[in-house]
C-alpha atoms as a PDB file:
ATOM      1  CA  UNK A   1      43.189  -9.313 -66.722  1.00  0.00           C
ATOM      2  CA  UNK A   2      46.331  -9.303 -64.713  1.00  0.00           C
ATOM      3  CA  UNK A   3      46.973  -8.430 -60.987  1.00  0.00           C
ATOM      4  CA  UNK A   4      50.308  -7.187 -59.937  1.00  0.00           C
ATOM      5  CA  UNK A   5      51.412  -6.356 -56.384  1.00  0.00           C
ATOM      6  CA  UNK A   6      53.720  -3.372 -55.694  1.00  0.00           C
ATOM      7  CA  UNK A   7      55.401  -2.486 -52.464  1.00  0.00           C
ATOM      8  CA  UNK A   8      54.896   1.163 -51.430  1.00  0.00           C
ATOM      9  CA  UNK A   9      56.500   2.779 -48.425  1.00  0.00           C
ATOM     10  CA  UNK A  10      55.568   5.941 -46.488  1.00  0.00           C
ATOM     11  CA  UNK A  11      51.790   5.390 -46.256  1.00  0.00           C
ATOM     12  CA  UNK A  12      50.381   5.722 -42.712  1.00  0.00           C
ATOM     13  CA  UNK A  13      46.565   6.048 -42.994  1.00  0.00           C
ATOM     14  CA  UNK A  14      43.501   5.748 -45.022  1.00  0.00           C
ATOM     15  CA  UNK A  15      44.043   9.155 -46.715  1.00  0.00           C
ATOM     16  CA  UNK A  16      47.387   7.931 -47.859  1.00  0.00           C
ATOM     17  CA  UNK A  17      45.801   4.863 -49.385  1.00  0.00           C
ATOM     18  CA  UNK A  18      43.172   6.956 -51.034  1.00  0.00           C
ATOM     19  CA  UNK A  19      45.803   9.260 -52.652  1.00  0.00           C
ATOM     20  CA  UNK A  20      47.779   6.281 -54.037  1.00  0.00           C
ATOM     21  CA  UNK A  21      44.610   4.587 -55.267  1.00  0.00           C
ATOM     22  CA  UNK A  22      43.414   7.799 -57.034  1.00  0.00           C
ATOM     23  CA  UNK A  23      46.780   8.300 -58.782  1.00  0.00           C
ATOM     24  CA  UNK A  24      47.299   4.719 -59.909  1.00  0.00           C
ATOM     25  CA  UNK A  25      43.612   4.579 -61.066  1.00  0.00           C
ATOM     26  CA  UNK A  26      44.498   7.282 -63.646  1.00  0.00           C
ATOM     27  CA  UNK A  27      46.784   4.891 -65.522  1.00  0.00           C
ATOM     28  CA  UNK A  28      45.174   3.584 -68.677  1.00  0.00           C
ATOM     29  CA  UNK A  29      43.882  -0.006 -68.341  1.00  0.00           C
ATOM     30  CA  UNK A  30      43.726  -0.040 -64.516  1.00  0.00           C
ATOM     31  CA  UNK A  31      40.486  -1.721 -63.345  1.00  0.00           C
ATOM     32  CA  UNK A  32      40.935  -1.972 -59.613  1.00  0.00           C
ATOM     33  CA  UNK A  33      43.390  -0.881 -56.839  1.00  0.00           C
ATOM     34  CA  UNK A  34      43.378  -2.394 -53.339  1.00  0.00           C
ATOM     35  CA  UNK A  35      45.832  -1.725 -50.555  1.00  0.00           C
ATOM     36  CA  UNK A  36      46.923  -3.777 -47.530  1.00  0.00           C
ATOM     37  CA  UNK A  37      48.077  -0.825 -45.449  1.00  0.00           C
ATOM     38  CA  UNK A  38      50.963  -1.307 -43.069  1.00  0.00           C
ATOM     39  CA  UNK A  39      51.191   2.052 -41.233  1.00  0.00           C
ATOM     40  CA  UNK A  40      54.778   3.276 -41.188  1.00  0.00           C
ATOM     41  CA  UNK A  41      56.023   0.223 -43.059  1.00  0.00           C
ATOM     42  CA  UNK A  42      55.817  -1.162 -46.579  1.00  0.00           C
ATOM     43  CA  UNK A  43      52.209  -1.583 -47.810  1.00  0.00           C
ATOM     44  CA  UNK A  44      51.119  -4.016 -50.574  1.00  0.00           C
ATOM     45  CA  UNK A  45      49.334  -2.339 -53.430  1.00  0.00           C
ATOM     46  CA  UNK A  46      47.393  -4.745 -55.610  1.00  0.00           C
ATOM     47  CA  UNK A  47      46.575  -3.391 -59.117  1.00  0.00           C
ATOM     48  CA  UNK A  48      44.254  -5.206 -61.461  1.00  0.00           C
ATOM     49  CA  UNK A  49      44.609  -4.091 -65.098  1.00  0.00           C
ATOM     50  CA  UNK A  50      43.768  -5.130 -68.618  1.00  0.00           C
ATOM     51  CA  UNK A  51      47.387  -6.021 -69.252  1.00  0.00           C
ATOM     52  CA  UNK A  52      50.697  -5.687 -67.502  1.00  0.00           C
ATOM     53  CA  UNK A  53      51.495  -2.114 -66.589  1.00  0.00           C
ATOM     54  CA  UNK A  54      54.760  -0.297 -67.187  1.00  0.00           C
ATOM     55  CA  UNK A  55      56.483  -0.045 -63.777  1.00  0.00           C
ATOM     56  CA  UNK A  56      57.715   3.427 -64.649  1.00  0.00           C
ATOM     57  CA  UNK A  57      54.059   4.631 -64.896  1.00  0.00           C
ATOM     58  CA  UNK A  58      53.233   3.036 -61.560  1.00  0.00           C
ATOM     59  CA  UNK A  59      56.324   4.636 -59.933  1.00  0.00           C
ATOM     60  CA  UNK A  60      55.380   8.083 -61.302  1.00  0.00           C
ATOM     61  CA  UNK A  61      51.738   7.694 -59.983  1.00  0.00           C
ATOM     62  CA  UNK A  62      52.970   6.661 -56.568  1.00  0.00           C
ATOM     63  CA  UNK A  63      55.531   9.543 -56.581  1.00  0.00           C
ATOM     64  CA  UNK A  64      52.736  11.961 -57.567  1.00  0.00           C
ATOM     65  CA  UNK A  65      50.742  10.849 -54.524  1.00  0.00           C
ATOM     66  CA  UNK A  66      53.757  11.540 -52.368  1.00  0.00           C
ATOM     67  CA  UNK A  67      55.023   8.059 -51.620  1.00  0.00           C
ATOM     68  CA  UNK A  68      57.770   5.754 -52.821  1.00  0.00           C
ATOM     69  CA  UNK A  69      57.522   2.498 -54.798  1.00  0.00           C
ATOM     70  CA  UNK A  70      59.885   0.102 -53.114  1.00  0.00           C
ATOM     71  CA  UNK A  71      62.509  -1.701 -55.274  1.00  0.00           C
ATOM     72  CA  UNK A  72      61.160  -4.827 -56.889  1.00  0.00           C
END
């Protein structure tokens, strides 16, 4: 298992967090997603997965939810 933290901008509420969690959870191998929400700022998204995830997949999932993965 590995846990990676991503920075996501644009989230403002619990619904935003739920949308991002839902999309990232669809990625193969993802076990858990938790978010430290910073409304209007850059939130920390912690993703636990079986192995390291392809950042492109995570970026696409965050984009699908309507938010932006901050540059790492």
